[in-house]
Amino acid sequence: MMTFLNYYSLCNHRLVVNYEGVISLLNAAMAQFKKYGCFRMYRKGIIEKAEVYYQSGDLTHALQLWVAVVRDGIPPAIRKDILQKAISAAYCMASMKDYLWCCVQLMPSQPLAEQGFRAVLHSTVPPPPFAATEVTTAQSRSVSSCY
């Protein structure tokens, strides 16, 4: 007889996200959008693909896609949200070039980006671009052990 815990663990095992499958489906959809000239949906596909890369832990590809979309020229509301994710990815990857580019893009709307930019100019570690509530205790312990 199957117990509740066995059934629960079996269900959790099946709920693993297949990131490669999602990316291949997004690539197929983006090819169709590009073929038929639906450039807004094509751009939306790029943003979704970057989200999947970010969730799978591939920050490099996610950052490249987000930067490409922002450079295309998108509405300010969407642009700010994407730049927030991009600056977070650049900070986690320690990519100074991308971090500074995102700081410059976010400066008019966020004072924290300006603080990060000034910190880099003064050769100090910039503050994290995400809220302190998003940092877990394990992450804060690992960062404090580095110093």
N, C-alpha and C. Protein backbone atom coordinates (compact mmCIF):
# COMPACT_ATOMS: atom_id res chain seq x y z
N MET A 1 0.84 -1.18 0.00
CA MET A 1 0.00 0.00 0.00
C MET A 1 0.89 1.24 0.00
N MET A 2 0.53 2.19 -0.83
CA MET A 2 1.32 3.41 -0.95
C MET A 2 0.91 4.40 0.13
N THR A 3 1.89 4.85 0.88
CA THR A 3 1.60 5.82 1.93
C THR A 3 1.61 7.22 1.34
N PHE A 4 1.15 8.14 2.13
CA PHE A 4 1.08 9.53 1.69
C PHE A 4 2.47 10.08 1.39
N LEU A 5 3.45 9.77 2.24
CA LEU A 5 4.81 10.28 2.04
C LEU A 5 5.43 9.73 0.76
N ASN A 6 5.19 8.45 0.47
CA ASN A 6 5.71 7.88 -0.78
C ASN A 6 5.08 8.57 -1.98
N TYR A 7 3.77 8.78 -1.92
CA TYR A 7 3.08 9.45 -3.02
C TYR A 7 3.56 10.89 -3.17
N TYR A 8 3.76 11.57 -2.04
CA TYR A 8 4.23 12.95 -2.07
C TYR A 8 5.63 13.05 -2.67
N SER A 9 6.52 12.15 -2.29
CA SER A 9 7.88 12.18 -2.85
C SER A 9 7.86 11.82 -4.33
N LEU A 10 6.96 10.93 -4.74
CA LEU A 10 6.84 10.58 -6.15
C LEU A 10 6.35 11.77 -6.97
N CYS A 11 5.40 12.52 -6.43
CA CYS A 11 4.89 13.71 -7.12
C CYS A 11 5.97 14.79 -7.21
N ASN A 12 6.71 14.99 -6.15
CA ASN A 12 7.77 16.00 -6.17
C ASN A 12 8.86 15.64 -7.16
N HIS A 13 9.12 14.36 -7.32
CA HIS A 13 10.14 13.93 -8.27
C HIS A 13 9.72 14.26 -9.70
N ARG A 14 8.45 14.20 -9.99
CA ARG A 14 7.96 14.47 -11.34
C ARG A 14 7.88 15.96 -11.66
N LEU A 15 7.92 16.81 -10.67
CA LEU A 15 7.75 18.24 -10.90
C LEU A 15 9.07 18.96 -11.13
N VAL A 16 10.03 18.30 -11.73
CA VAL A 16 11.31 18.91 -12.06
C VAL A 16 11.16 19.62 -13.40
N VAL A 17 11.61 20.86 -13.46
CA VAL A 17 11.49 21.64 -14.69
C VAL A 17 12.55 21.19 -15.68
N ASN A 18 12.12 20.94 -16.90
CA ASN A 18 13.03 20.56 -17.98
C ASN A 18 13.41 21.84 -18.72
N TYR A 19 14.47 22.49 -18.28
CA TYR A 19 14.86 23.78 -18.84
C TYR A 19 15.24 23.68 -20.31
N GLU A 20 15.93 22.60 -20.68
CA GLU A 20 16.33 22.45 -22.08
C GLU A 20 15.11 22.31 -22.99
N GLY A 21 14.10 21.59 -22.51
CA GLY A 21 12.87 21.44 -23.29
C GLY A 21 12.13 22.75 -23.44
N VAL A 22 12.08 23.52 -22.38
CA VAL A 22 11.41 24.83 -22.43
C VAL A 22 12.14 25.75 -23.39
N ILE A 23 13.47 25.74 -23.35
CA ILE A 23 14.25 26.60 -24.24
C ILE A 23 14.06 26.19 -25.69
N SER A 24 14.01 24.88 -25.97
CA SER A 24 13.81 24.45 -27.35
C SER A 24 12.42 24.84 -27.86
N LEU A 25 11.41 24.76 -27.00
CA LEU A 25 10.06 25.19 -27.39
C LEU A 25 10.02 26.70 -27.64
N LEU A 26 10.70 27.46 -26.80
CA LEU A 26 10.75 28.91 -27.02
C LEU A 26 11.49 29.25 -28.30
N ASN A 27 12.55 28.51 -28.61
CA ASN A 27 13.27 28.73 -29.87
C ASN A 27 12.37 28.48 -31.08
N ALA A 28 11.57 27.40 -31.01
CA ALA A 28 10.65 27.10 -32.11
C ALA A 28 9.59 28.19 -32.25
N ALA A 29 9.06 28.65 -31.13
CA ALA A 29 8.06 29.71 -31.18
C ALA A 29 8.66 31.00 -31.73
N MET A 30 9.88 31.32 -31.31
CA MET A 30 10.53 32.54 -31.78
C MET A 30 10.81 32.47 -33.27
N ALA A 31 11.12 31.29 -33.78
CA ALA A 31 11.34 31.15 -35.22
C ALA A 31 10.06 31.46 -35.99
N GLN A 32 8.92 31.01 -35.46
CA GLN A 32 7.64 31.29 -36.11
C GLN A 32 7.30 32.79 -36.03
N PHE A 33 7.55 33.39 -34.89
CA PHE A 33 7.28 34.82 -34.75
C PHE A 33 8.13 35.63 -35.72
N LYS A 34 9.38 35.24 -35.86
CA LYS A 34 10.27 35.96 -36.77
C LYS A 34 9.86 35.74 -38.22
N LYS A 35 9.43 34.53 -38.54
CA LYS A 35 9.02 34.19 -39.91
C LYS A 35 7.83 35.03 -40.35
N TYR A 36 6.87 35.21 -39.44
CA TYR A 36 5.65 35.94 -39.79
C TYR A 36 5.68 37.41 -39.38
N GLY A 37 6.82 37.90 -38.94
CA GLY A 37 6.97 39.33 -38.67
C GLY A 37 6.32 39.83 -37.39
N CYS A 38 6.15 38.96 -36.41
CA CYS A 38 5.58 39.37 -35.12
C CYS A 38 6.73 39.73 -34.18
N PHE A 39 7.27 40.92 -34.36
CA PHE A 39 8.49 41.27 -33.65
C PHE A 39 8.27 41.53 -32.16
N ARG A 40 7.08 41.97 -31.79
CA ARG A 40 6.80 42.14 -30.35
C ARG A 40 6.78 40.79 -29.65
N MET A 41 6.15 39.82 -30.28
CA MET A 41 6.12 38.47 -29.69
C MET A 41 7.51 37.84 -29.72
N TYR A 42 8.28 38.14 -30.75
CA TYR A 42 9.66 37.65 -30.83
C TYR A 42 10.47 38.20 -29.65
N ARG A 43 10.31 39.48 -29.38
CA ARG A 43 11.00 40.11 -28.25
C ARG A 43 10.52 39.51 -26.93
N LYS A 44 9.23 39.24 -26.83
CA LYS A 44 8.68 38.60 -25.63
C LYS A 44 9.28 37.21 -25.46
N GLY A 45 9.49 36.50 -26.56
CA GLY A 45 10.13 35.19 -26.50
C GLY A 45 11.56 35.27 -26.00
N ILE A 46 12.27 36.30 -26.43
CA ILE A 46 13.65 36.50 -25.95
C ILE A 46 13.65 36.76 -24.45
N ILE A 47 12.72 37.57 -23.98
CA ILE A 47 12.64 37.86 -22.54
C ILE A 47 12.31 36.59 -21.76
N GLU A 48 11.37 35.80 -22.25
CA GLU A 48 11.01 34.55 -21.58
C GLU A 48 12.18 33.57 -21.57
N LYS A 49 12.90 33.52 -22.68
CA LYS A 49 14.07 32.64 -22.78
C LYS A 49 15.14 33.06 -21.77
N ALA A 50 15.33 34.35 -21.61
CA ALA A 50 16.29 34.85 -20.62
C ALA A 50 15.85 34.47 -19.21
N GLU A 51 14.55 34.54 -18.94
CA GLU A 51 14.02 34.15 -17.63
C GLU A 51 14.32 32.68 -17.35
N VAL A 52 14.14 31.83 -18.36
CA VAL A 52 14.39 30.40 -18.19
C VAL A 52 15.88 30.16 -17.94
N TYR A 53 16.73 30.85 -18.68
CA TYR A 53 18.17 30.72 -18.45
C TYR A 53 18.52 31.17 -17.03
N TYR A 54 17.92 32.25 -16.57
CA TYR A 54 18.20 32.76 -15.23
C TYR A 54 17.76 31.76 -14.16
N GLN A 55 16.58 31.17 -14.35
CA GLN A 55 16.08 30.19 -13.39
C GLN A 55 16.91 28.91 -13.39
N SER A 56 17.48 28.57 -14.54
CA SER A 56 18.30 27.36 -14.61
C SER A 56 19.71 27.60 -14.08
N GLY A 57 20.07 28.86 -13.82
CA GLY A 57 21.38 29.17 -13.28
C GLY A 57 22.39 29.61 -14.31
N ASP A 58 21.98 29.72 -15.57
CA ASP A 58 22.90 30.15 -16.63
C ASP A 58 22.79 31.67 -16.77
N LEU A 59 23.48 32.36 -15.88
CA LEU A 59 23.37 33.82 -15.82
C LEU A 59 23.99 34.50 -17.03
N THR A 60 25.01 33.89 -17.63
CA THR A 60 25.68 34.50 -18.78
C THR A 60 24.73 34.67 -19.95
N HIS A 61 24.02 33.58 -20.31
CA HIS A 61 23.09 33.67 -21.43
C HIS A 61 21.92 34.61 -21.11
N ALA A 62 21.44 34.55 -19.87
CA ALA A 62 20.33 35.42 -19.48
C ALA A 62 20.73 36.89 -19.61
N LEU A 63 21.92 37.21 -19.14
CA LEU A 63 22.39 38.59 -19.20
C LEU A 63 22.57 39.06 -20.64
N GLN A 64 23.11 38.20 -21.49
CA GLN A 64 23.28 38.56 -22.91
C GLN A 64 21.95 38.86 -23.57
N LEU A 65 20.95 38.04 -23.30
CA LEU A 65 19.63 38.25 -23.91
C LEU A 65 18.97 39.51 -23.38
N TRP A 66 19.05 39.74 -22.07
CA TRP A 66 18.45 40.94 -21.50
C TRP A 66 19.09 42.21 -22.04
N VAL A 67 20.41 42.21 -22.17
CA VAL A 67 21.10 43.39 -22.69
C VAL A 67 20.70 43.64 -24.14
N ALA A 68 20.57 42.56 -24.93
CA ALA A 68 20.17 42.71 -26.33
C ALA A 68 18.77 43.30 -26.43
N VAL A 69 17.86 42.86 -25.58
CA VAL A 69 16.48 43.37 -25.61
C VAL A 69 16.43 44.84 -25.19
N VAL A 70 17.18 45.20 -24.17
CA VAL A 70 17.18 46.59 -23.69
C VAL A 70 17.75 47.51 -24.75
N ARG A 71 18.75 47.07 -25.47
CA ARG A 71 19.36 47.91 -26.51
C ARG A 71 18.44 48.09 -27.71
N ASP A 72 17.48 47.18 -27.90
CA ASP A 72 16.52 47.30 -29.00
C ASP A 72 15.59 48.48 -28.82
N GLY A 73 15.35 48.85 -27.60
CA GLY A 73 14.42 49.95 -27.33
C GLY A 73 13.05 49.39 -27.00
N ILE A 74 12.72 49.39 -25.73
CA ILE A 74 11.45 48.85 -25.26
C ILE A 74 10.80 49.89 -24.34
N PRO A 75 9.52 49.72 -24.02
CA PRO A 75 8.85 50.68 -23.14
C PRO A 75 9.54 50.78 -21.78
N PRO A 76 9.53 51.97 -21.18
CA PRO A 76 10.26 52.19 -19.92
C PRO A 76 9.87 51.26 -18.77
N ALA A 77 8.60 50.91 -18.66
CA ALA A 77 8.18 50.04 -17.56
C ALA A 77 8.81 48.66 -17.67
N ILE A 78 8.82 48.12 -18.87
CA ILE A 78 9.43 46.81 -19.09
C ILE A 78 10.94 46.91 -18.98
N ARG A 79 11.47 48.00 -19.48
CA ARG A 79 12.93 48.22 -19.47
C ARG A 79 13.48 48.21 -18.04
N LYS A 80 12.79 48.89 -17.13
CA LYS A 80 13.27 48.96 -15.74
C LYS A 80 13.27 47.58 -15.09
N ASP A 81 12.23 46.80 -15.32
CA ASP A 81 12.15 45.46 -14.75
C ASP A 81 13.27 44.57 -15.28
N ILE A 82 13.52 44.63 -16.57
CA ILE A 82 14.57 43.82 -17.17
C ILE A 82 15.94 44.26 -16.68
N LEU A 83 16.15 45.57 -16.57
CA LEU A 83 17.44 46.06 -16.08
C LEU A 83 17.69 45.66 -14.63
N GLN A 84 16.63 45.58 -13.82
CA GLN A 84 16.78 45.12 -12.44
C GLN A 84 17.31 43.69 -12.42
N LYS A 85 16.74 42.84 -13.26
CA LYS A 85 17.19 41.45 -13.32
C LYS A 85 18.61 41.36 -13.89
N ALA A 86 18.89 42.19 -14.88
CA ALA A 86 20.22 42.16 -15.52
C ALA A 86 21.30 42.64 -14.55
N ILE A 87 21.02 43.68 -13.78
CA ILE A 87 22.03 44.17 -12.84
C ILE A 87 22.27 43.14 -11.73
N SER A 88 21.22 42.43 -11.35
CA SER A 88 21.38 41.38 -10.35
C SER A 88 22.25 40.25 -10.89
N ALA A 89 22.01 39.85 -12.14
CA ALA A 89 22.82 38.79 -12.75
C ALA A 89 24.26 39.24 -12.93
N ALA A 90 24.47 40.47 -13.35
CA ALA A 90 25.84 40.99 -13.53
C ALA A 90 26.57 41.05 -12.20
N TYR A 91 25.87 41.43 -11.14
CA TYR A 91 26.48 41.49 -9.81
C TYR A 91 26.87 40.09 -9.34
N CYS A 92 25.98 39.12 -9.55
CA CYS A 92 26.27 37.74 -9.12
C CYS A 92 27.41 37.12 -9.92
N MET A 93 27.55 37.52 -11.18
CA MET A 93 28.63 36.99 -12.03
C MET A 93 29.92 37.78 -11.86
N ALA A 94 29.88 38.90 -11.18
CA ALA A 94 31.02 39.81 -11.04
C ALA A 94 31.49 40.31 -12.39
N SER A 95 30.54 40.61 -13.27
CA SER A 95 30.83 41.17 -14.58
C SER A 95 30.78 42.69 -14.48
N MET A 96 31.94 43.30 -14.33
CA MET A 96 31.99 44.74 -14.11
C MET A 96 31.45 45.54 -15.28
N LYS A 97 31.78 45.13 -16.48
CA LYS A 97 31.33 45.86 -17.66
C LYS A 97 29.80 45.91 -17.72
N ASP A 98 29.16 44.76 -17.56
CA ASP A 98 27.70 44.71 -17.62
C ASP A 98 27.07 45.39 -16.40
N TYR A 99 27.70 45.25 -15.24
CA TYR A 99 27.18 45.89 -14.03
C TYR A 99 27.18 47.41 -14.19
N LEU A 100 28.28 47.95 -14.69
CA LEU A 100 28.36 49.40 -14.88
C LEU A 100 27.39 49.89 -15.95
N TRP A 101 27.24 49.11 -17.02
CA TRP A 101 26.29 49.48 -18.07
C TRP A 101 24.87 49.53 -17.51
N CYS A 102 24.51 48.53 -16.71
CA CYS A 102 23.18 48.52 -16.10
C CYS A 102 23.01 49.67 -15.11
N CYS A 103 24.07 49.98 -14.37
CA CYS A 103 24.01 51.12 -13.43
C CYS A 103 23.74 52.41 -14.17
N VAL A 104 24.43 52.62 -15.28
CA VAL A 104 24.24 53.85 -16.05
C VAL A 104 22.82 53.91 -16.60
N GLN A 105 22.28 52.79 -17.05
CA GLN A 105 20.92 52.76 -17.58
C GLN A 105 19.88 53.01 -16.50
N LEU A 106 20.15 52.55 -15.28
CA LEU A 106 19.18 52.69 -14.19
C LEU A 106 19.33 53.97 -13.37
N MET A 107 20.40 54.72 -13.59
CA MET A 107 20.67 55.90 -12.76
C MET A 107 19.52 56.90 -12.65
N PRO A 108 18.83 57.25 -13.73
CA PRO A 108 17.75 58.24 -13.58
C PRO A 108 16.62 57.80 -12.65
N SER A 109 16.39 56.50 -12.54
CA SER A 109 15.24 56.05 -11.78
C SER A 109 15.58 55.45 -10.42
N GLN A 110 16.85 55.09 -10.20
CA GLN A 110 17.19 54.44 -8.94
C GLN A 110 18.47 54.99 -8.34
N PRO A 111 18.40 55.50 -7.13
CA PRO A 111 19.62 56.01 -6.49
C PRO A 111 20.60 54.91 -6.11
N LEU A 112 20.10 53.68 -5.90
CA LEU A 112 20.99 52.57 -5.55
C LEU A 112 21.96 52.26 -6.68
N ALA A 113 21.51 52.43 -7.93
CA ALA A 113 22.39 52.21 -9.07
C ALA A 113 23.51 53.24 -9.09
N GLU A 114 23.17 54.47 -8.74
CA GLU A 114 24.20 55.52 -8.69
C GLU A 114 25.21 55.23 -7.58
N GLN A 115 24.73 54.72 -6.45
CA GLN A 115 25.64 54.35 -5.36
C GLN A 115 26.59 53.24 -5.79
N GLY A 116 26.06 52.26 -6.52
CA GLY A 116 26.89 51.17 -7.02
C GLY A 116 27.94 51.67 -8.00
N PHE A 117 27.54 52.59 -8.87
CA PHE A 117 28.47 53.15 -9.84
C PHE A 117 29.59 53.93 -9.14
N ARG A 118 29.21 54.74 -8.17
CA ARG A 118 30.21 55.51 -7.42
C ARG A 118 31.15 54.59 -6.63
N ALA A 119 30.61 53.52 -6.08
CA ALA A 119 31.45 52.58 -5.33
C ALA A 119 32.51 51.95 -6.23
N VAL A 120 32.13 51.61 -7.45
CA VAL A 120 33.10 51.04 -8.38
C VAL A 120 34.15 52.07 -8.75
N LEU A 121 33.74 53.32 -8.95
CA LEU A 121 34.70 54.38 -9.26
C LEU A 121 35.70 54.61 -8.13
N HIS A 122 35.25 54.38 -6.89
CA HIS A 122 36.13 54.56 -5.74
C HIS A 122 36.85 53.26 -5.35
N SER A 123 36.78 52.26 -6.21
CA SER A 123 37.45 50.96 -6.01
C SER A 123 37.01 50.25 -4.73
N THR A 124 35.72 50.31 -4.44
CA THR A 124 35.16 49.57 -3.32
C THR A 124 34.09 48.63 -3.86
N VAL A 125 33.70 47.68 -3.04
CA VAL A 125 32.67 46.72 -3.44
C VAL A 125 31.32 47.43 -3.44
N PRO A 126 30.59 47.38 -4.55
CA PRO A 126 29.28 48.05 -4.59
C PRO A 126 28.25 47.30 -3.74
N PRO A 127 27.23 48.01 -3.28
CA PRO A 127 26.18 47.33 -2.53
C PRO A 127 25.40 46.41 -3.46
N PRO A 128 24.83 45.34 -2.94
CA PRO A 128 24.06 44.45 -3.81
C PRO A 128 22.84 45.17 -4.39
N PRO A 129 22.50 44.89 -5.64
CA PRO A 129 21.38 45.58 -6.28
C PRO A 129 20.01 45.03 -5.89
N PHE A 130 19.98 44.05 -5.01
CA PHE A 130 18.70 43.48 -4.59
C PHE A 130 18.49 43.79 -3.12
N ALA A 131 17.26 43.64 -2.67
CA ALA A 131 16.90 43.99 -1.30
C ALA A 131 17.54 43.01 -0.31
N ALA A 132 17.78 43.48 0.90
CA ALA A 132 18.39 42.63 1.92
C ALA A 132 17.46 41.49 2.32
N THR A 133 16.16 41.64 2.12
CA THR A 133 15.22 40.57 2.47
C THR A 133 15.32 39.39 1.51
N GLU A 134 15.88 39.62 0.32
CA GLU A 134 16.02 38.54 -0.66
C GLU A 134 17.25 37.68 -0.40
N VAL A 135 18.14 38.13 0.47
CA VAL A 135 19.36 37.39 0.76
C VAL A 135 19.08 36.45 1.93
N THR A 136 19.35 35.17 1.73
CA THR A 136 19.13 34.20 2.79
C THR A 136 20.28 34.25 3.78
N THR A 137 20.10 33.63 4.93
CA THR A 137 21.16 33.62 5.94
C THR A 137 22.38 32.85 5.45
N ALA A 138 22.17 31.79 4.68
CA ALA A 138 23.30 31.02 4.16
C ALA A 138 24.13 31.86 3.20
N GLN A 139 23.45 32.65 2.37
CA GLN A 139 24.17 33.51 1.43
C GLN A 139 24.94 34.59 2.17
N SER A 140 24.36 35.17 3.18
CA SER A 140 25.06 36.23 3.91
C SER A 140 26.26 35.66 4.67
N ARG A 141 26.15 34.42 5.19
CA ARG A 141 27.29 33.79 5.85
C ARG A 141 28.41 33.51 4.87
N SER A 142 28.06 33.08 3.65
CA SER A 142 29.10 32.77 2.67
C SER A 142 29.81 34.04 2.22
N VAL A 143 29.09 35.15 2.11
CA VAL A 143 29.71 36.41 1.72
C VAL A 143 30.59 36.93 2.85
N SER A 144 30.13 36.84 4.09
CA SER A 144 30.93 37.35 5.20
C SER A 144 32.18 36.52 5.43
N SER A 145 32.16 35.25 5.05
CA SER A 145 33.35 34.42 5.20
C SER A 145 34.43 34.77 4.18
N CYS A 146 34.05 35.45 3.09
CA CYS A 146 35.02 35.84 2.07
C CYS A 146 35.89 37.00 2.54
N TYR A 147 35.40 37.80 3.47
CA TYR A 147 36.14 39.00 3.89
C TYR A 147 36.90 38.76 5.13
